[in-house]
């Protein structure tokens, strides 16, 4: 049944030879890998206004110069990451760049930051998409967490079906969103030019504002910079592009930067000119659309596509998180299971992990986007800074042709990224301080995992000097609960192994049962030694393991091995298992961690 449901949800397995068919062309890659950055247009301008409104609505004109600052930062990042794409065509992004040029720990800080950031990408995007839905349908406000969690489950299943299939489906909403916003910006500007919008709705640029400060402006700039999260995703996911992958990735990055610049500046300007103020129950984009079109078809079209891209922006995380997890797992810093491709040739363990952790985050923060965005943004500016600094070191060390220009581009990117990161820490410390705790813990965890894998490899390697202990003989212990076909099957198997000694062990709760069982056993299996143990506290595992330890201790003195064969019957139908006490599974689970004891299960399949 499970297999049938799995096939229905994620489709038939793909052959390894079909991997080349799972790569993306530029059109699909732009939709999948740019959806996070493009979707931030829906909440980035709003974050600027939320800071400025703490002074007064008159301060909203500052959103224009702040937007210019954000666009300059965008240009620096696009040019910088374009260089990373060609310098590291196999992907890995900030993690690989930082590790190779700055050292292991900076690389792990970048990798850990991005892992958390991609989880936050899903949580923020889906939460923001849910906000857009509930802005159009206010009666759904009370169900934000449930709606967001269901949307994460849907996107997770879609990604488990494979990157090309999800890209084919998700490309349409992304391009519809871009079209919808271009229509909104175009019609809004037309209304402004034709005088349909009163100039009295906003304060003129340059109007003095009482109470404004550099600290507050820097805070607003940092909030607006949240619109740039996701810019690095393309450099992380170069292997998902069709050949020539670096060229296609670079062109996709430029296209994304161009679209993001136009949409962000257009929404900021319309919000300023319309005199839009952020509201708890309605997003800024929703208010602009309502002012431009009224609550008609176009309004709901814009809200619908906005909600879709905010939800589907999570797909950037689903594209980049598994690839980053693969690189970390390949270097033995996280579990090796993240290197395994699933039935549909995607790194399904990474996809599932991302989905589960995102839902947990949504539940903890109750789907409130405002609480997640600062943590989300600072998490991405840390790897921004490290990757650009890593490229500086690379150009200084290698000095390739034209390295001065490349050095300058990355220096500007590093300087601005570091500045924005520090602004976040200075202006939003109350919201971003958890980074200072969980990031060192993540890096510490990486090192512990690496140490474990190195230790395992050293112990398993044939070239090490640890001599193999010769095995002189084998003692087989068979725990028995009665005289049945299950036990008979296990004893027959034990006899076929040519053991030096076979011992059947029976745990009795009453003295009378013990004597009665011994009498019956001697008639049934006279050639197999029986040891009966009395359990005063009705425990099977404690007396059994104590006996096994005693036998193992004596056997080890003569280089003998102890093998425990556990009889277990297998019901014909899986649900029948809940009707039995599964004592064999408990014994096996307990014994697996005992030294020098070999544990094997001998199944007996029931026919009805």
Protein backbone atom coordinates (compact mmCIF):
# COMPACT_ATOMS: atom_id res chain seq x y z
CA UNK A 1 0.00 0.00 0.00
CA UNK A 2 2.81 2.40 0.93
CA UNK A 3 4.53 1.69 -2.37
CA UNK A 4 1.33 2.45 -4.32
CA UNK A 5 0.82 5.77 -2.51
CA UNK A 6 4.47 6.68 -3.08
CA UNK A 7 4.21 5.94 -6.81
CA UNK A 8 1.03 8.03 -7.03
CA UNK A 9 2.59 11.02 -5.25
CA UNK A 10 6.09 11.13 -6.77
CA UNK A 11 5.83 9.00 -9.93
CA UNK A 12 7.80 6.07 -11.33
CA UNK A 13 11.52 5.67 -10.52
CA UNK A 14 13.97 7.12 -13.04
CA UNK A 15 17.11 5.37 -14.28
CA UNK A 16 20.50 6.86 -13.45
CA UNK A 17 21.09 7.30 -17.20
CA UNK A 18 18.16 9.77 -17.28
CA UNK A 19 20.02 12.27 -15.08
CA UNK A 20 20.91 14.46 -18.07
CA UNK A 21 17.21 14.90 -18.80
CA UNK A 22 16.74 16.43 -15.34
CA UNK A 23 18.81 19.53 -16.12
CA UNK A 24 17.15 22.93 -16.61
CA UNK A 25 17.20 25.33 -19.52
CA UNK A 26 17.49 29.10 -18.85
CA UNK A 27 13.74 29.73 -18.97
CA UNK A 28 12.88 27.09 -16.38
CA UNK A 29 15.94 27.87 -14.25
CA UNK A 30 14.99 31.55 -14.10
CA UNK A 31 11.57 30.60 -12.77
CA UNK A 32 12.82 28.05 -10.24
CA UNK A 33 16.03 29.67 -8.97
CA UNK A 34 14.89 33.32 -9.14
CA UNK A 35 11.49 32.92 -7.56
CA UNK A 36 12.86 33.67 -4.08
CA UNK A 37 14.55 36.91 -5.15
CA UNK A 38 11.63 38.03 -7.34
CA UNK A 39 9.05 37.21 -4.68
CA UNK A 40 10.84 39.44 -2.15
CA UNK A 41 9.47 42.39 -4.16
CA UNK A 42 6.17 41.60 -2.46
CA UNK A 43 7.53 42.22 1.06
CA UNK A 44 10.89 44.05 0.68
CA UNK A 45 9.39 47.54 0.06
CA UNK A 46 6.92 46.91 2.88
CA UNK A 47 9.79 46.25 5.31
CA UNK A 48 11.27 49.69 4.47
CA UNK A 49 7.94 51.43 5.12
CA UNK A 50 7.42 49.56 8.40
CA UNK A 51 10.61 51.13 9.74
CA UNK A 52 9.93 54.63 8.37
CA UNK A 53 6.37 54.76 9.72
CA UNK A 54 7.76 54.63 13.27
CA UNK A 55 8.63 58.31 12.67
CA UNK A 56 5.67 59.44 10.54
CA UNK A 57 4.13 59.03 7.08
CA UNK A 58 6.06 62.15 6.00
CA UNK A 59 9.25 60.05 6.20
CA UNK A 60 8.03 57.75 3.42
CA UNK A 61 9.90 59.82 0.81
CA UNK A 62 13.12 58.37 2.21
CA UNK A 63 12.07 55.05 0.64
CA UNK A 64 13.24 56.43 -2.75
CA UNK A 65 16.93 57.00 -1.84
CA UNK A 66 16.89 53.81 0.24
CA UNK A 67 15.65 51.89 -2.83
CA UNK A 68 18.53 53.37 -4.88
CA UNK A 69 20.94 52.08 -2.26
CA UNK A 70 19.39 48.61 -2.44
CA UNK A 71 19.67 48.64 -6.25
CA UNK A 72 23.36 49.55 -6.02
CA UNK A 73 23.89 46.64 -3.64
CA UNK A 74 22.01 44.38 -6.07
CA UNK A 75 24.32 45.43 -8.92
CA UNK A 76 27.40 44.69 -6.82
CA UNK A 77 26.09 41.26 -5.83
CA UNK A 78 25.07 40.30 -9.38
CA UNK A 79 28.52 41.18 -10.76
CA UNK A 80 30.24 39.42 -7.86
CA UNK A 81 28.24 36.20 -8.13
CA UNK A 82 28.71 36.20 -11.90
CA UNK A 83 32.44 35.91 -11.23
CA UNK A 84 31.85 33.10 -8.73
CA UNK A 85 29.87 31.17 -11.36
CA UNK A 86 32.81 31.15 -13.79
CA UNK A 87 35.44 30.62 -11.08
CA UNK A 88 33.56 27.67 -9.54
CA UNK A 89 31.52 26.11 -12.36
CA UNK A 90 30.70 22.97 -10.36
CA UNK A 91 28.55 24.92 -7.92
CA UNK A 92 28.71 25.07 -4.15
CA UNK A 93 28.55 28.86 -3.98
CA UNK A 94 29.57 30.57 -0.76
CA UNK A 95 30.44 27.30 1.02
CA UNK A 96 32.98 26.12 -1.56
CA UNK A 97 34.42 29.62 -2.17
CA UNK A 98 34.89 30.33 1.55
CA UNK A 99 36.30 26.88 2.37
CA UNK A 100 38.87 26.93 -0.43
CA UNK A 101 40.06 30.51 0.07
CA UNK A 102 39.44 31.39 3.73
CA UNK A 103 39.69 28.02 5.45
CA UNK A 104 37.45 25.28 6.80
CA UNK A 105 35.69 27.24 9.56
CA UNK A 106 34.67 30.22 7.37
CA UNK A 107 33.40 27.70 4.83
CA UNK A 108 31.37 25.90 7.48
CA UNK A 109 29.98 29.22 8.76
CA UNK A 110 28.87 30.05 5.20
CA UNK A 111 27.46 26.55 4.67
CA UNK A 112 25.67 26.51 8.01
CA UNK A 113 24.24 29.99 7.42
CA UNK A 114 22.91 28.98 4.02
CA UNK A 115 21.40 25.71 5.28
CA UNK A 116 19.45 27.66 7.90
CA UNK A 117 18.70 30.41 5.40
CA UNK A 118 17.13 27.99 2.92
CA UNK A 119 14.91 26.63 5.69
CA UNK A 120 13.95 30.23 6.47
CA UNK A 121 13.41 30.83 2.74
CA UNK A 122 10.67 28.22 2.71
CA UNK A 123 9.14 29.43 5.98
CA UNK A 124 9.22 33.13 5.02
CA UNK A 125 8.01 32.60 1.46
CA UNK A 126 5.11 30.36 2.40
CA UNK A 127 4.16 32.58 5.36
CA UNK A 128 4.20 35.66 3.10
CA UNK A 129 2.15 33.80 0.48
CA UNK A 130 -0.36 32.87 3.14
CA UNK A 131 -0.53 36.55 4.17
CA UNK A 132 -1.37 37.47 0.57
CA UNK A 133 -4.15 34.86 0.51
CA UNK A 134 -5.64 36.04 3.80
CA UNK A 135 -5.39 39.69 2.68
CA UNK A 136 -7.80 38.84 -0.13
CA UNK A 137 -9.92 36.59 2.12
CA UNK A 138 -9.76 38.07 5.66
CA UNK A 139 -11.96 35.29 7.11
CA UNK A 140 -8.97 32.90 6.71
CA UNK A 141 -6.64 34.89 9.02
CA UNK A 142 -7.11 32.43 11.87
CA UNK A 143 -5.88 29.51 9.74
CA UNK A 144 -2.50 30.94 8.66
CA UNK A 145 -0.37 28.20 10.23
CA UNK A 146 -2.51 25.35 8.87
CA UNK A 147 -2.60 26.83 5.36
CA UNK A 148 1.16 27.46 5.36
CA UNK A 149 1.96 23.93 6.58
CA UNK A 150 -0.25 22.33 3.91
CA UNK A 151 1.43 24.45 1.23
CA UNK A 152 4.88 23.25 2.38
CA UNK A 153 3.71 19.64 2.15
CA UNK A 154 2.44 20.28 -1.39
CA UNK A 155 5.72 21.87 -2.55
CA UNK A 156 7.75 19.09 -0.91
CA UNK A 157 5.82 16.42 -2.81
CA UNK A 158 6.16 18.40 -6.03
CA UNK A 159 9.94 18.57 -5.63
CA UNK A 160 10.18 14.88 -4.82
CA UNK A 161 8.77 14.29 -8.31
CA UNK A 162 11.96 15.76 -9.82
CA UNK A 163 13.35 19.17 -10.68
CA UNK A 164 12.26 19.26 -14.32
CA UNK A 165 8.69 18.26 -13.53
CA UNK A 166 8.40 20.81 -10.72
CA UNK A 167 10.01 23.45 -12.97
CA UNK A 168 7.52 22.76 -15.76
CA UNK A 169 4.64 23.35 -13.36
CA UNK A 170 6.07 26.22 -11.32
CA UNK A 171 7.40 28.30 -14.21
CA UNK A 172 3.92 29.52 -15.18
CA UNK A 173 3.01 31.18 -11.85
CA UNK A 174 6.40 32.92 -11.70
CA UNK A 175 6.06 34.45 -15.15
CA UNK A 176 2.42 35.30 -14.48
CA UNK A 177 3.56 37.18 -11.36
CA UNK A 178 6.17 39.12 -13.34
CA UNK A 179 3.52 39.96 -15.97
CA UNK A 180 0.99 40.98 -13.30
CA UNK A 181 3.44 43.32 -11.56
CA UNK A 182 4.57 44.88 -14.84
CA UNK A 183 0.90 45.56 -15.66
CA UNK A 184 0.37 47.00 -12.15
CA UNK A 185 3.47 49.22 -12.37
CA UNK A 186 2.68 50.29 -15.94
CA UNK A 187 -0.96 51.20 -15.22
CA UNK A 188 0.03 52.87 -11.93
CA UNK A 189 2.64 55.04 -13.67
CA UNK A 190 0.11 55.87 -16.40
CA UNK A 191 -2.38 57.08 -13.77
CA UNK A 192 0.35 59.21 -12.18
CA UNK A 193 1.42 60.74 -15.52
CA UNK A 194 -2.18 61.51 -16.53
CA UNK A 195 -2.90 63.14 -13.17
CA UNK A 196 -5.38 60.53 -11.94
CA UNK A 197 -3.46 60.23 -8.68
CA UNK A 198 -3.41 63.24 -6.37
CA UNK A 199 0.11 64.50 -5.55
CA UNK A 200 -1.20 65.43 -2.09
CA UNK A 201 -1.16 61.75 -1.04
CA UNK A 202 2.60 61.89 -0.35
CA UNK A 203 5.14 64.30 1.03
CA UNK A 204 7.52 65.77 -1.61
CA UNK A 205 11.05 64.39 -1.73
CA UNK A 206 13.26 66.48 0.55
CA UNK A 207 10.53 67.39 3.04
CA UNK A 208 12.11 67.87 6.51
CA UNK A 209 11.13 65.09 8.92
CA UNK A 210 11.31 65.59 12.67
CA UNK A 211 12.80 62.67 14.55
CA UNK A 212 14.57 61.03 11.59
CA UNK A 213 18.04 59.67 12.35
CA UNK A 214 20.90 57.92 10.57
CA UNK A 215 20.33 54.88 12.76
CA UNK A 216 16.71 54.61 11.61
CA UNK A 217 17.64 55.10 7.94
CA UNK A 218 20.28 52.38 8.18
CA UNK A 219 17.70 50.12 9.78
CA UNK A 220 15.28 50.81 6.91
CA UNK A 221 18.04 50.12 4.36
CA UNK A 222 18.85 46.83 6.03
CA UNK A 223 15.16 45.88 5.99
CA UNK A 224 14.91 46.74 2.29
CA UNK A 225 17.98 44.61 1.61
CA UNK A 226 15.89 41.59 2.54
CA UNK A 227 14.64 41.84 -1.05
CA UNK A 228 18.07 40.56 -2.17
CA UNK A 229 17.85 37.20 -0.43
CA UNK A 230 18.03 34.41 -2.97
CA UNK A 231 20.51 36.18 -5.27
CA UNK A 232 23.15 33.54 -4.42
CA UNK A 233 20.94 30.55 -5.27
CA UNK A 234 21.98 30.39 -8.94
CA UNK A 235 25.70 30.12 -8.07
CA UNK A 236 24.90 27.22 -5.72
CA UNK A 237 22.89 25.31 -8.32
CA UNK A 238 25.09 25.47 -11.46
CA UNK A 239 25.01 21.64 -11.88
CA UNK A 240 21.24 21.79 -12.48
CA UNK A 241 21.71 23.81 -15.71
CA UNK A 242 21.99 22.35 -19.19
CA UNK A 243 25.42 22.62 -20.82
CA UNK A 244 27.23 24.95 -21.07
CA UNK A 245 26.14 25.27 -17.44
CA UNK A 246 28.28 28.29 -16.34
CA UNK A 247 27.24 30.39 -19.35
CA UNK A 248 23.57 29.56 -18.89
CA UNK A 249 23.79 30.25 -15.15
CA UNK A 250 25.48 33.62 -15.72
CA UNK A 251 22.82 34.71 -18.24
CA UNK A 252 20.06 33.59 -15.88
CA UNK A 253 21.67 35.60 -13.05
CA UNK A 254 21.73 38.77 -15.17
CA UNK A 255 18.11 38.28 -16.21
CA UNK A 256 17.08 37.85 -12.60
CA UNK A 257 18.94 41.00 -11.53
CA UNK A 258 17.31 43.04 -14.30
CA UNK A 259 13.78 41.87 -13.45
CA UNK A 260 14.32 42.32 -9.72
CA UNK A 261 15.60 45.88 -10.17
CA UNK A 262 12.61 46.92 -12.30
CA UNK A 263 9.97 45.34 -10.07
CA UNK A 264 11.48 46.53 -6.77
CA UNK A 265 11.94 50.13 -7.88
CA UNK A 266 8.45 50.21 -9.45
CA UNK A 267 6.68 48.98 -6.30
CA UNK A 268 8.67 51.34 -4.05
CA UNK A 269 7.79 54.33 -6.24
CA UNK A 270 4.07 53.47 -6.46
CA UNK A 271 3.88 52.90 -2.70
CA UNK A 272 5.50 56.31 -2.13
CA UNK A 273 3.38 58.23 -4.66
CA UNK A 274 0.12 56.61 -3.53
CA UNK A 275 0.97 57.36 0.10
CA UNK A 276 0.55 53.72 1.07
CA UNK A 277 1.05 52.86 4.77
CA UNK A 278 1.72 49.29 5.91
CA UNK A 279 -1.26 47.60 7.59
CA UNK A 280 -1.47 44.45 9.66
CA UNK A 281 -4.43 43.06 7.71
CA UNK A 282 -3.37 43.98 4.14
CA UNK A 283 -0.06 43.95 2.31
CA UNK A 284 1.40 46.97 0.51
CA UNK A 285 1.07 45.29 -2.91
CA UNK A 286 -2.59 44.55 -2.16
CA UNK A 287 -3.21 48.23 -1.31
CA UNK A 288 -1.44 49.43 -4.48
CA UNK A 289 -3.48 47.02 -6.62
CA UNK A 290 -6.73 48.12 -4.93
CA UNK A 291 -5.89 51.80 -5.51
CA UNK A 292 -4.92 51.18 -9.14
CA UNK A 293 -7.69 48.82 -10.28
CA UNK A 294 -10.24 48.66 -7.48
CA UNK A 295 -11.31 45.28 -6.17
CA UNK A 296 -12.03 43.79 -9.58
CA UNK A 297 -10.61 40.93 -11.64
CA UNK A 298 -7.19 42.56 -12.05
CA UNK A 299 -6.87 43.04 -8.30
CA UNK A 300 -7.56 39.36 -7.63
CA UNK A 301 -5.29 38.37 -10.51
CA UNK A 302 -2.41 40.32 -8.95
CA UNK A 303 -3.14 39.00 -5.46
CA UNK A 304 -3.45 35.46 -6.78
CA UNK A 305 -0.15 35.55 -8.68
CA UNK A 306 1.56 37.29 -5.73
CA UNK A 307 0.34 34.60 -3.36
CA UNK A 308 1.48 31.91 -5.80
CA UNK A 309 5.01 33.25 -6.26
CA UNK A 310 5.44 33.90 -2.53
CA UNK A 311 4.54 30.29 -1.89
CA UNK A 312 6.53 28.95 -4.83
CA UNK A 313 9.55 31.10 -3.94
CA UNK A 314 10.14 28.34 -1.44
CA UNK A 315 11.20 26.30 -4.46
CA UNK A 316 14.49 28.20 -4.56
CA UNK A 317 15.24 26.64 -1.19
CA UNK A 318 14.22 23.21 -2.48
CA UNK A 319 16.58 23.60 -5.43
CA UNK A 320 19.58 24.90 -3.48
CA UNK A 321 19.32 23.21 -0.04
CA UNK A 322 19.75 19.60 -1.31
CA UNK A 323 22.78 20.60 -3.44
CA UNK A 324 24.44 22.43 -0.54
CA UNK A 325 23.66 19.49 1.76
CA UNK A 326 25.23 17.19 -0.84
CA UNK A 327 28.47 19.21 -0.84
CA UNK A 328 28.62 19.26 2.97
CA UNK A 329 27.84 15.53 3.16
CA UNK A 330 30.46 14.76 0.49
CA UNK A 331 33.01 16.50 2.73
CA UNK A 332 31.67 14.45 5.70
CA UNK A 333 30.28 17.41 7.66
CA UNK A 334 26.69 16.17 7.69
CA UNK A 335 25.05 12.75 7.33
CA UNK A 336 26.00 10.77 4.23
CA UNK A 337 22.33 10.15 3.49
CA UNK A 338 22.24 13.61 1.86
CA UNK A 339 24.47 12.32 -0.97
CA UNK A 340 21.93 9.71 -2.08
CA UNK A 341 19.62 10.38 -5.00
CA UNK A 342 16.01 9.27 -4.67
CA UNK A 343 13.71 7.51 -7.12
CA UNK A 344 13.33 10.67 -9.20
CA UNK A 345 17.09 11.45 -9.19
CA UNK A 346 16.72 14.33 -6.74
CA UNK A 347 18.40 14.41 -3.35
CA UNK A 348 15.18 13.39 -1.65
CA UNK A 349 16.56 13.24 1.90
CA UNK A 350 17.50 16.90 1.64
CA UNK A 351 14.08 17.78 0.22
CA UNK A 352 12.21 15.98 3.00
CA UNK A 353 14.46 17.45 5.72
CA UNK A 354 13.86 20.94 4.36
CA UNK A 355 10.09 20.45 4.31
CA UNK A 356 9.88 19.08 7.86
CA UNK A 357 12.11 21.76 9.43
CA UNK A 358 10.24 24.53 7.60
CA UNK A 359 6.90 23.36 8.99
CA UNK A 360 8.40 23.26 12.50
CA UNK A 361 9.62 26.84 12.04
CA UNK A 362 6.23 28.02 10.77
CA UNK A 363 4.52 26.48 13.81
CA UNK A 364 7.04 28.01 16.26
CA UNK A 365 6.73 31.52 14.77
CA UNK A 366 2.98 31.09 14.10
CA UNK A 367 3.50 32.05 10.45
CA UNK A 368 4.38 35.68 11.27
CA UNK A 369 6.65 36.84 8.44
CA UNK A 370 7.86 40.00 10.22
CA UNK A 371 9.57 37.92 12.93
CA UNK A 372 11.31 35.67 10.41
CA UNK A 373 12.60 38.17 7.84
CA UNK A 374 15.42 39.82 9.91
CA UNK A 375 16.80 36.39 10.89
CA UNK A 376 16.37 35.28 7.28
CA UNK A 377 18.18 38.32 5.85
CA UNK A 378 21.15 38.35 8.24
CA UNK A 379 21.60 34.63 7.58
CA UNK A 380 22.20 35.33 3.90
CA UNK A 381 24.44 38.39 4.29
CA UNK A 382 26.94 36.37 6.33
CA UNK A 383 27.69 34.03 3.37
CA UNK A 384 27.47 37.05 1.01
CA UNK A 385 30.32 38.65 2.94
CA UNK A 386 32.39 35.46 3.26
CA UNK A 387 32.06 34.49 -0.41
CA UNK A 388 33.07 37.95 -1.65
CA UNK A 389 36.02 38.03 0.77
CA UNK A 390 37.01 34.56 -0.40
CA UNK A 391 37.06 35.78 -4.00
CA UNK A 392 39.32 38.69 -2.96
CA UNK A 393 41.83 36.21 -1.55
CA UNK A 394 41.57 34.08 -4.71
CA UNK A 395 42.33 37.01 -7.07
CA UNK A 396 45.23 38.27 -4.91
CA UNK A 397 46.73 34.78 -4.74
CA UNK A 398 46.25 33.74 -8.39
CA UNK A 399 46.44 37.14 -10.17
CA UNK A 400 44.74 36.00 -13.42
CA UNK A 401 44.31 38.22 -16.47
CA UNK A 402 42.20 41.28 -15.59
CA UNK A 403 42.37 40.46 -11.88
CA UNK A 404 42.35 44.11 -10.78
CA UNK A 405 38.84 44.63 -12.20
CA UNK A 406 37.66 41.36 -10.68
CA UNK A 407 39.23 42.30 -7.36
CA UNK A 408 37.49 45.66 -7.39
CA UNK A 409 34.08 44.13 -8.09
CA UNK A 410 34.41 41.61 -5.28
CA UNK A 411 35.83 44.25 -2.91
CA UNK A 412 32.77 46.44 -3.42
CA UNK A 413 30.50 43.41 -2.96
CA UNK A 414 32.33 42.35 0.22
CA UNK A 415 32.34 45.86 1.68
CA UNK A 416 28.63 46.49 1.11
CA UNK A 417 27.62 42.99 2.25
CA UNK A 418 29.66 43.39 5.45
CA UNK A 419 28.15 46.84 6.03
CA UNK A 420 24.59 45.55 5.63
CA UNK A 421 25.35 42.59 7.90
CA UNK A 422 26.66 44.89 10.63
CA UNK A 423 23.65 47.20 10.19
CA UNK A 424 21.40 44.21 10.84
CA UNK A 425 23.31 43.33 14.00
CA UNK A 426 23.33 46.92 15.24
CA UNK A 427 19.75 47.89 14.39
CA UNK A 428 17.90 44.60 14.79
CA UNK A 429 19.98 42.84 17.44
CA UNK A 430 16.87 41.93 19.41
CA UNK A 431 15.63 39.89 16.46
CA UNK A 432 18.87 38.46 15.03
CA UNK A 433 20.81 37.55 18.22
CA UNK A 434 19.90 33.82 17.86
CA UNK A 435 22.37 33.71 14.93
CA UNK A 436 25.22 34.21 17.41
CA UNK A 437 24.11 31.09 19.28
CA UNK A 438 22.91 28.57 16.71
CA UNK A 439 25.64 29.26 14.11
CA UNK A 440 28.56 28.30 16.42
CA UNK A 441 26.52 25.27 17.52
CA UNK A 442 26.00 24.23 13.89
CA UNK A 443 29.73 24.58 13.11
CA UNK A 444 30.57 22.60 16.26
CA UNK A 445 28.13 19.91 15.09
CA UNK A 446 29.81 19.84 11.67
CA UNK A 447 33.20 19.20 13.28
CA UNK A 448 31.81 16.46 15.53
CA UNK A 449 30.26 14.68 12.53
CA UNK A 450 33.50 15.01 10.56
CA UNK A 451 35.46 13.60 13.52
CA UNK A 452 33.07 10.65 13.71
CA UNK A 453 33.37 9.84 10.01
CA UNK A 454 37.17 10.12 10.15
CA UNK A 455 37.22 7.81 13.17
CA UNK A 456 34.97 5.26 11.44
CA UNK A 457 37.09 5.35 8.29
CA UNK A 458 40.29 4.85 10.29
CA UNK A 459 38.84 1.83 12.11
CA UNK A 460 37.43 0.22 8.96
CA UNK A 461 40.46 0.78 6.74
CA UNK A 462 42.30 -2.46 5.88
CA UNK A 463 45.64 -0.69 5.95
CA UNK A 464 45.50 0.08 9.67
CA UNK A 465 47.75 -1.86 12.00
CA UNK A 466 45.06 -3.34 14.23
CA UNK A 467 45.34 -7.17 13.94
CA UNK A 468 42.20 -9.20 13.26
CA UNK A 469 41.24 -11.44 16.16
CA UNK A 470 41.02 -15.10 15.03
CA UNK A 471 37.73 -16.87 15.72
CA UNK A 472 38.28 -20.35 17.11
CA UNK A 473 34.64 -21.41 17.41
CA UNK A 474 31.01 -20.39 17.72
CA UNK A 475 28.42 -20.76 20.47
CA UNK A 476 24.81 -20.27 19.39
CA UNK A 477 22.18 -19.11 21.87
CA UNK A 478 18.51 -19.43 20.87
CA UNK A 479 15.98 -17.61 23.11
CA UNK A 480 12.78 -19.69 23.13
CA UNK A 481 9.29 -18.80 24.33
CA UNK A 482 7.76 -22.23 23.76
CA UNK A 483 7.83 -25.33 21.61
CA UNK A 484 6.52 -24.21 18.23
CA UNK A 485 7.35 -24.38 14.53
CA UNK A 486 9.02 -20.98 14.90
CA UNK A 487 11.48 -22.35 17.48
CA UNK A 488 11.91 -25.59 15.54
CA UNK A 489 12.81 -23.59 12.41
CA UNK A 490 15.44 -21.62 14.33
CA UNK A 491 16.96 -24.74 15.91
CA UNK A 492 17.21 -26.47 12.53
CA UNK A 493 19.01 -23.43 11.15
CA UNK A 494 21.35 -23.36 14.18
CA UNK A 495 22.24 -27.04 13.63
CA UNK A 496 23.09 -26.33 9.97
CA UNK A 497 25.78 -23.80 11.03
CA UNK A 498 28.08 -26.46 12.53
CA UNK A 499 28.26 -24.67 15.86
CA UNK A 500 30.43 -25.96 18.68
CA UNK A 501 27.50 -25.65 21.04
CA UNK A 502 23.81 -24.77 20.79
CA UNK A 503 22.06 -23.47 23.90
CA UNK A 504 18.32 -22.87 24.08
CA UNK A 505 17.35 -20.32 26.76
CA UNK A 506 13.89 -20.17 28.32
CA UNK A 507 12.83 -17.43 30.77
CA UNK A 508 10.16 -18.60 33.21
CA UNK A 509 8.06 -16.43 35.51
CA UNK A 510 6.94 -19.32 37.77
CA UNK A 511 8.92 -22.29 39.18
CA UNK A 512 6.21 -24.75 38.14
CA UNK A 513 6.35 -23.51 34.54
CA UNK A 514 10.12 -23.88 34.55
CA UNK A 515 10.05 -27.58 35.60
CA UNK A 516 7.17 -28.42 33.26
CA UNK A 517 8.94 -26.81 30.28
CA UNK A 518 12.20 -28.65 31.01
CA UNK A 519 10.38 -32.02 31.06
CA UNK A 520 8.66 -31.35 27.71
CA UNK A 521 11.86 -30.01 26.12
CA UNK A 522 13.91 -33.09 27.00
CA UNK A 523 11.38 -35.23 25.12
CA UNK A 524 11.14 -32.83 22.12
CA UNK A 525 14.80 -31.74 21.62
CA UNK A 526 17.00 -34.05 23.75
CA UNK A 527 20.13 -33.18 21.72
CA UNK A 528 19.86 -29.40 22.38
CA UNK A 529 20.96 -28.11 25.78
CA UNK A 530 18.27 -26.08 27.56
CA UNK A 531 18.99 -23.39 30.13
CA UNK A 532 16.00 -22.10 32.09
CA UNK A 533 16.15 -18.74 33.83
CA UNK A 534 13.71 -17.61 36.48
CA UNK A 535 12.54 -13.98 36.33
CA UNK A 536 11.11 -12.69 39.60
CA UNK A 537 10.11 -9.36 38.06
CA UNK A 538 8.58 -10.80 34.85
CA UNK A 539 11.34 -9.35 32.67
CA UNK A 540 12.63 -11.36 29.73
CA UNK A 541 15.46 -9.07 28.60
CA UNK A 542 17.28 -8.62 31.93
CA UNK A 543 17.93 -12.30 32.82
CA UNK A 544 18.51 -13.20 29.17
CA UNK A 545 21.15 -10.51 28.59
CA UNK A 546 22.83 -11.31 31.91
CA UNK A 547 23.17 -14.95 30.81
CA UNK A 548 24.46 -13.93 27.36
CA UNK A 549 27.06 -11.63 28.98
CA UNK A 550 28.28 -14.52 31.18
CA UNK A 551 28.62 -16.87 28.19
CA UNK A 552 30.30 -14.17 26.08
CA UNK A 553 32.84 -13.39 28.82
CA UNK A 554 33.88 -17.04 29.11
CA UNK A 555 33.86 -17.54 25.32
CA UNK A 556 36.08 -14.51 24.68
CA UNK A 557 38.85 -16.06 26.78
CA UNK A 558 39.12 -18.83 24.15
CA UNK A 559 38.50 -16.54 21.13
CA UNK A 560 35.02 -17.98 20.68
CA UNK A 561 32.13 -15.94 19.31
CA UNK A 562 28.59 -15.90 20.68
CA UNK A 563 25.75 -15.79 18.13
CA UNK A 564 22.20 -15.14 19.28
CA UNK A 565 19.59 -16.49 16.86
CA UNK A 566 16.24 -14.88 17.55
CA UNK A 567 13.15 -16.79 16.34
CA UNK A 568 10.49 -14.50 14.88
CA UNK A 569 7.28 -15.26 13.05
CA UNK A 570 6.17 -12.90 10.28
CA UNK A 571 2.37 -12.44 9.92
CA UNK A 572 0.92 -12.57 6.43
CA UNK A 573 -0.63 -9.11 6.83
CA UNK A 574 1.42 -6.25 8.24
CA UNK A 575 -1.35 -4.94 10.52
CA UNK A 576 -1.31 -8.26 12.40
CA UNK A 577 2.01 -7.17 13.96
CA UNK A 578 0.22 -4.85 16.38
CA UNK A 579 -1.57 -7.89 17.85
CA UNK A 580 1.70 -9.45 19.08
CA UNK A 581 4.13 -8.25 21.75
CA UNK A 582 7.19 -8.11 19.44
CA UNK A 583 9.54 -9.33 22.21
CA UNK A 584 11.95 -10.59 19.54
CA UNK A 585 12.40 -7.05 18.22
CA UNK A 586 13.09 -5.73 21.73
CA UNK A 587 15.70 -8.41 22.37
CA UNK A 588 17.37 -7.73 19.02
CA UNK A 589 17.42 -3.94 19.58
CA UNK A 590 18.99 -4.42 23.01
CA UNK A 591 21.63 -6.93 21.92
CA UNK A 592 22.80 -5.08 18.81
CA UNK A 593 24.83 -2.68 20.96
CA UNK A 594 26.58 -5.44 22.98
CA UNK A 595 30.22 -5.99 22.13
CA UNK A 596 31.31 -9.30 20.57
CA UNK A 597 27.76 -10.67 20.28
CA UNK A 598 26.42 -11.50 16.82
CA UNK A 599 22.65 -11.09 16.52
CA UNK A 600 20.59 -12.71 13.75
CA UNK A 601 16.87 -13.11 13.21
CA UNK A 602 15.45 -16.35 11.82
CA UNK A 603 12.06 -15.54 10.25
CA UNK A 604 9.15 -17.95 10.04
CA UNK A 605 6.48 -16.75 7.64
CA UNK A 606 2.87 -17.51 8.50
CA UNK A 607 0.68 -18.57 5.59
CA UNK A 608 -2.67 -17.25 6.76
